[in-house]
Amino acid sequence: MVARPPVPPPPHKGGCLCGAARFSLSARPLAVNACHCNACKKLTGATNLLMLLGERAAFSFTGDVERYRRRADSGREIDVVRCANCGVRMWHEPLSAPDLVFIAAGTLDDTSWAVPASHIWAANASAGVVFQDDALVVPGQPARREDLMEAFARLYAN
């Protein structure tokens, strides 16, 4: 089992590679999730996207950003937000859940505590990906985002 460091108190700050765009989440995350869908692999250039689910009302940013609207196989649309200068993908804004924001954990200033409590699209996981023994593992799209939040609450009760 992976040791789970405690979630530090907010705010959770981060930004792009060049520093032109910055963000802050002023509340505790609702979930830490790894997505293994093919779109997240392509958009990150990695085996998955580790993300924080947060309340949009607690999220703010500065700097110039660009949005790319993507339609998933489910039909849901999401805006992928990148720095307008260096192109780093920082967060997503799901149109189906306007009260949420999905922050790419790799863009946080402090990534040391972000261990996934859940994995989605696990059936598409790349060879060698390790699933934590205590994490929720969903083969495809979860029926409810609340399942990811409940897994996080169970594992990160601190």
C-alpha atoms as a PDB file:
ATOM      1  CA  MET A   1       0.000   0.000   0.000  1.00  0.00           C
ATOM      2  CA  VAL A   2       1.178   3.528  -0.804  1.00  0.00           C
ATOM      3  CA  ALA A   3       1.738   5.848   2.124  1.00  0.00           C
ATOM      4  CA  ARG A   4      -0.658   8.732   1.770  1.00  0.00           C
ATOM      5  CA  PRO A   5       0.781  12.044   2.904  1.00  0.00           C
ATOM      6  CA  PRO A   6      -1.721  14.393   4.523  1.00  0.00           C
ATOM      7  CA  VAL A   7      -3.402  16.974   2.330  1.00  0.00           C
ATOM      8  CA  PRO A   8      -1.876  20.338   3.210  1.00  0.00           C
ATOM      9  CA  PRO A   9      -4.223  23.160   4.123  1.00  0.00           C
ATOM     10  CA  PRO A  10      -5.371  25.461   1.330  1.00  0.00           C
ATOM     11  CA  PRO A  11      -4.642  27.429  -0.654  1.00  0.00           C
ATOM     12  CA  HIS A  12      -3.258  25.032  -3.265  1.00  0.00           C
ATOM     13  CA  LYS A  13      -1.353  27.183  -5.747  1.00  0.00           C
ATOM     14  CA  GLY A  14       0.233  26.452  -9.072  1.00  0.00           C
ATOM     15  CA  GLY A  15       0.862  27.648 -12.570  1.00  0.00           C
ATOM     16  CA  CYS A  16       2.403  27.106 -15.927  1.00  0.00           C
ATOM     17  CA  LEU A  17       6.017  26.531 -16.919  1.00  0.00           C
ATOM     18  CA  CYS A  18       6.782  30.135 -17.904  1.00  0.00           C
ATOM     19  CA  GLY A  19       4.994  31.658 -14.889  1.00  0.00           C
ATOM     20  CA  ALA A  20       2.640  33.850 -16.939  1.00  0.00           C
ATOM     21  CA  ALA A  21      -0.497  32.057 -15.675  1.00  0.00           C
ATOM     22  CA  ARG A  22      -1.117  31.225 -12.024  1.00  0.00           C
ATOM     23  CA  PHE A  23      -4.027  29.666 -10.137  1.00  0.00           C
ATOM     24  CA  SER A  24      -5.207  29.082  -6.591  1.00  0.00           C
ATOM     25  CA  LEU A  25      -7.694  26.667  -5.033  1.00  0.00           C
ATOM     26  CA  SER A  26      -8.722  28.179  -1.697  1.00  0.00           C
ATOM     27  CA  ALA A  27     -10.552  25.059  -0.435  1.00  0.00           C
ATOM     28  CA  ARG A  28      -9.665  21.449   0.236  1.00  0.00           C
ATOM     29  CA  PRO A  29      -9.862  19.326  -2.946  1.00  0.00           C
ATOM     30  CA  LEU A  30     -12.918  17.122  -3.379  1.00  0.00           C
ATOM     31  CA  ALA A  31     -10.890  14.301  -4.965  1.00  0.00           C
ATOM     32  CA  VAL A  32      -7.502  13.292  -6.335  1.00  0.00           C
ATOM     33  CA  ASN A  33      -8.056  11.151  -9.427  1.00  0.00           C
ATOM     34  CA  ALA A  34      -5.946   9.627 -12.193  1.00  0.00           C
ATOM     35  CA  CYS A  35      -7.570   9.472 -15.624  1.00  0.00           C
ATOM     36  CA  HIS A  36      -6.222   6.888 -18.059  1.00  0.00           C
ATOM     37  CA  CYS A  37      -8.437   7.773 -21.058  1.00  0.00           C
ATOM     38  CA  ASN A  38      -6.740   8.092 -24.411  1.00  0.00           C
ATOM     39  CA  ALA A  39      -7.565  11.810 -24.646  1.00  0.00           C
ATOM     40  CA  CYS A  40      -5.807  12.568 -21.341  1.00  0.00           C
ATOM     41  CA  LYS A  41      -2.806  10.567 -22.519  1.00  0.00           C
ATOM     42  CA  LYS A  42      -2.639  12.576 -25.748  1.00  0.00           C
ATOM     43  CA  LEU A  43      -3.240  15.939 -24.072  1.00  0.00           C
ATOM     44  CA  THR A  44      -0.537  15.349 -21.435  1.00  0.00           C
ATOM     45  CA  GLY A  45       1.965  13.224 -23.329  1.00  0.00           C
ATOM     46  CA  ALA A  46       1.998  10.967 -20.262  1.00  0.00           C
ATOM     47  CA  THR A  47       0.429   7.662 -19.231  1.00  0.00           C
ATOM     48  CA  ASN A  48      -2.400   9.432 -17.371  1.00  0.00           C
ATOM     49  CA  LEU A  49      -3.538  12.745 -15.977  1.00  0.00           C
ATOM     50  CA  LEU A  50      -3.429  13.110 -12.205  1.00  0.00           C
ATOM     51  CA  MET A  51      -5.959  15.763 -11.249  1.00  0.00           C
ATOM     52  CA  LEU A  52      -7.599  17.457  -8.302  1.00  0.00           C
ATOM     53  CA  LEU A  53     -11.340  17.946  -8.397  1.00  0.00           C
ATOM     54  CA  GLY A  54     -12.175  21.266  -6.794  1.00  0.00           C
ATOM     55  CA  GLU A  55     -15.045  23.634  -6.241  1.00  0.00           C
ATOM     56  CA  ARG A  56     -15.081  26.248  -9.006  1.00  0.00           C
ATOM     57  CA  ALA A  57     -16.202  28.911  -6.498  1.00  0.00           C
ATOM     58  CA  ALA A  58     -12.906  28.378  -4.594  1.00  0.00           C
ATOM     59  CA  PHE A  59     -10.785  28.606  -7.772  1.00  0.00           C
ATOM     60  CA  SER A  60      -9.160  31.724  -9.193  1.00  0.00           C
ATOM     61  CA  PHE A  61      -6.463  32.467 -11.746  1.00  0.00           C
ATOM     62  CA  THR A  62      -4.391  35.255 -13.225  1.00  0.00           C
ATOM     63  CA  GLY A  63      -2.760  35.551 -16.630  1.00  0.00           C
ATOM     64  CA  ASP A  64      -3.739  34.919 -20.222  1.00  0.00           C
ATOM     65  CA  VAL A  65      -5.165  31.491 -20.991  1.00  0.00           C
ATOM     66  CA  GLU A  66      -6.621  29.728 -24.011  1.00  0.00           C
ATOM     67  CA  ARG A  67      -9.430  27.207 -24.024  1.00  0.00           C
ATOM     68  CA  TYR A  68      -9.871  24.167 -26.210  1.00  0.00           C
ATOM     69  CA  ARG A  69     -13.334  22.598 -26.093  1.00  0.00           C
ATOM     70  CA  ARG A  70     -13.242  18.822 -26.343  1.00  0.00           C
ATOM     71  CA  ARG A  71     -16.165  16.434 -26.712  1.00  0.00           C
ATOM     72  CA  ALA A  72     -15.682  13.080 -24.963  1.00  0.00           C
ATOM     73  CA  ASP A  73     -17.017   9.751 -26.225  1.00  0.00           C
ATOM     74  CA  SER A  74     -19.771  10.190 -23.618  1.00  0.00           C
ATOM     75  CA  GLY A  75     -20.915  13.362 -25.409  1.00  0.00           C
ATOM     76  CA  ARG A  76     -19.877  15.561 -22.492  1.00  0.00           C
ATOM     77  CA  GLU A  77     -17.897  18.680 -23.311  1.00  0.00           C
ATOM     78  CA  ILE A  78     -14.995  20.074 -21.341  1.00  0.00           C
ATOM     79  CA  ASP A  79     -12.851  23.161 -21.786  1.00  0.00           C
ATOM     80  CA  VAL A  80      -9.135  22.361 -21.546  1.00  0.00           C
ATOM     81  CA  VAL A  81      -7.373  25.482 -20.256  1.00  0.00           C
ATOM     82  CA  ARG A  82      -3.748  26.215 -21.151  1.00  0.00           C
ATOM     83  CA  CYS A  83      -1.325  29.079 -20.681  1.00  0.00           C
ATOM     84  CA  ALA A  84      -1.582  31.335 -23.750  1.00  0.00           C
ATOM     85  CA  ASN A  85       2.205  31.800 -23.714  1.00  0.00           C
ATOM     86  CA  CYS A  86       3.841  28.411 -23.018  1.00  0.00           C
ATOM     87  CA  GLY A  87       0.883  26.096 -23.699  1.00  0.00           C
ATOM     88  CA  VAL A  88       0.954  24.142 -20.421  1.00  0.00           C
ATOM     89  CA  ARG A  89      -2.357  22.386 -19.745  1.00  0.00           C
ATOM     90  CA  MET A  90      -3.359  23.516 -16.241  1.00  0.00           C
ATOM     91  CA  TRP A  91      -7.031  22.734 -15.644  1.00  0.00           C
ATOM     92  CA  HIS A  92     -10.330  21.635 -17.173  1.00  0.00           C
ATOM     93  CA  GLU A  93     -13.761  23.203 -16.877  1.00  0.00           C
ATOM     94  CA  PRO A  94     -16.472  20.568 -17.414  1.00  0.00           C
ATOM     95  CA  LEU A  95     -19.583  22.028 -19.019  1.00  0.00           C
ATOM     96  CA  SER A  96     -21.700  19.266 -17.463  1.00  0.00           C
ATOM     97  CA  ALA A  97     -20.544  20.289 -13.963  1.00  0.00           C
ATOM     98  CA  PRO A  98     -20.039  24.073 -13.953  1.00  0.00           C
ATOM     99  CA  ASP A  99     -19.491  24.027 -10.178  1.00  0.00           C
ATOM    100  CA  LEU A 100     -16.288  21.939 -10.563  1.00  0.00           C
ATOM    101  CA  VAL A 101     -12.760  22.459 -11.862  1.00  0.00           C
ATOM    102  CA  PHE A 102     -10.258  19.672 -12.617  1.00  0.00           C
ATOM    103  CA  ILE A 103      -6.693  20.857 -11.887  1.00  0.00           C
ATOM    104  CA  ALA A 104      -3.702  19.045 -13.389  1.00  0.00           C
ATOM    105  CA  ALA A 105      -1.757  18.016 -10.271  1.00  0.00           C
ATOM    106  CA  GLY A 106       1.593  18.375 -12.042  1.00  0.00           C
ATOM    107  CA  THR A 107       1.028  22.128 -12.273  1.00  0.00           C
ATOM    108  CA  LEU A 108       0.789  22.539  -8.484  1.00  0.00           C
ATOM    109  CA  ASP A 109       3.669  24.278  -6.738  1.00  0.00           C
ATOM    110  CA  ASP A 110       3.717  21.379  -4.238  1.00  0.00           C
ATOM    111  CA  THR A 111       2.928  17.979  -5.773  1.00  0.00           C
ATOM    112  CA  SER A 112       4.365  15.913  -2.902  1.00  0.00           C
ATOM    113  CA  TRP A 113       0.996  14.992  -1.395  1.00  0.00           C
ATOM    114  CA  ALA A 114      -1.075  14.156  -4.504  1.00  0.00           C
ATOM    115  CA  VAL A 115      -1.601  10.377  -4.542  1.00  0.00           C
ATOM    116  CA  PRO A 116      -4.709   9.221  -6.456  1.00  0.00           C
ATOM    117  CA  ALA A 117      -7.637   7.978  -4.418  1.00  0.00           C
ATOM    118  CA  SER A 118      -9.267   6.833  -7.654  1.00  0.00           C
ATOM    119  CA  HIS A 119      -8.423   5.800 -11.209  1.00  0.00           C
ATOM    120  CA  ILE A 120     -10.859   6.085 -14.111  1.00  0.00           C
ATOM    121  CA  TRP A 121     -10.651   4.579 -17.584  1.00  0.00           C
ATOM    122  CA  ALA A 122      -8.397   1.961 -15.962  1.00  0.00           C
ATOM    123  CA  ALA A 123      -9.127  -0.468 -18.822  1.00  0.00           C
ATOM    124  CA  ASN A 124      -7.018   1.884 -21.007  1.00  0.00           C
ATOM    125  CA  ALA A 125      -4.117   2.082 -18.551  1.00  0.00           C
ATOM    126  CA  SER A 126      -0.646   1.905 -20.048  1.00  0.00           C
ATOM    127  CA  ALA A 127       1.567  -1.076 -19.255  1.00  0.00           C
ATOM    128  CA  GLY A 128       3.441  -0.565 -16.015  1.00  0.00           C
ATOM    129  CA  VAL A 129       0.895   1.752 -14.398  1.00  0.00           C
ATOM    130  CA  VAL A 130       0.519   0.925 -10.710  1.00  0.00           C
ATOM    131  CA  PHE A 131      -2.860   1.131  -9.014  1.00  0.00           C
ATOM    132  CA  GLN A 132      -2.742   1.777  -5.275  1.00  0.00           C
ATOM    133  CA  ASP A 133      -4.255  -1.137  -3.315  1.00  0.00           C
ATOM    134  CA  ASP A 134      -6.709   1.110  -1.480  1.00  0.00           C
ATOM    135  CA  ALA A 135      -7.769   3.245  -4.475  1.00  0.00           C
ATOM    136  CA  LEU A 136     -11.082   3.009  -6.288  1.00  0.00           C
ATOM    137  CA  VAL A 137     -10.415   1.589  -9.773  1.00  0.00           C
ATOM    138  CA  VAL A 138     -13.105   2.141 -12.411  1.00  0.00           C
ATOM    139  CA  PRO A 139     -12.671   0.412 -15.820  1.00  0.00           C
ATOM    140  CA  GLY A 140     -14.295   3.274 -17.766  1.00  0.00           C
ATOM    141  CA  GLN A 141     -16.227   6.443 -17.048  1.00  0.00           C
ATOM    142  CA  PRO A 142     -17.634   6.462 -13.503  1.00  0.00           C
ATOM    143  CA  ALA A 143     -21.397   6.583 -13.301  1.00  0.00           C
ATOM    144  CA  ARG A 144     -21.130   9.347 -10.688  1.00  0.00           C
ATOM    145  CA  ARG A 145     -18.356  11.827  -9.914  1.00  0.00           C
ATOM    146  CA  GLU A 146     -19.460  11.512  -6.300  1.00  0.00           C
ATOM    147  CA  ASP A 147     -17.874   8.038  -6.247  1.00  0.00           C
ATOM    148  CA  LEU A 148     -14.472   9.683  -6.762  1.00  0.00           C
ATOM    149  CA  MET A 149     -15.200  12.198  -4.014  1.00  0.00           C
ATOM    150  CA  GLU A 150     -16.308   9.452  -1.625  1.00  0.00           C
ATOM    151  CA  ALA A 151     -13.105   7.472  -2.297  1.00  0.00           C
ATOM    152  CA  PHE A 152     -11.045  10.574  -1.533  1.00  0.00           C
ATOM    153  CA  ALA A 153     -12.983  11.310   1.668  1.00  0.00           C
ATOM    154  CA  ARG A 154     -12.466   7.711   2.825  1.00  0.00           C
ATOM    155  CA  LEU A 155      -8.705   7.727   2.196  1.00  0.00           C
ATOM    156  CA  TYR A 156      -7.908  11.327   3.109  1.00  0.00           C
ATOM    157  CA  ALA A 157      -9.938  11.763   6.265  1.00  0.00           C
ATOM    158  CA  ASN A 158      -7.255  14.056   7.758  1.00  0.00           C
END
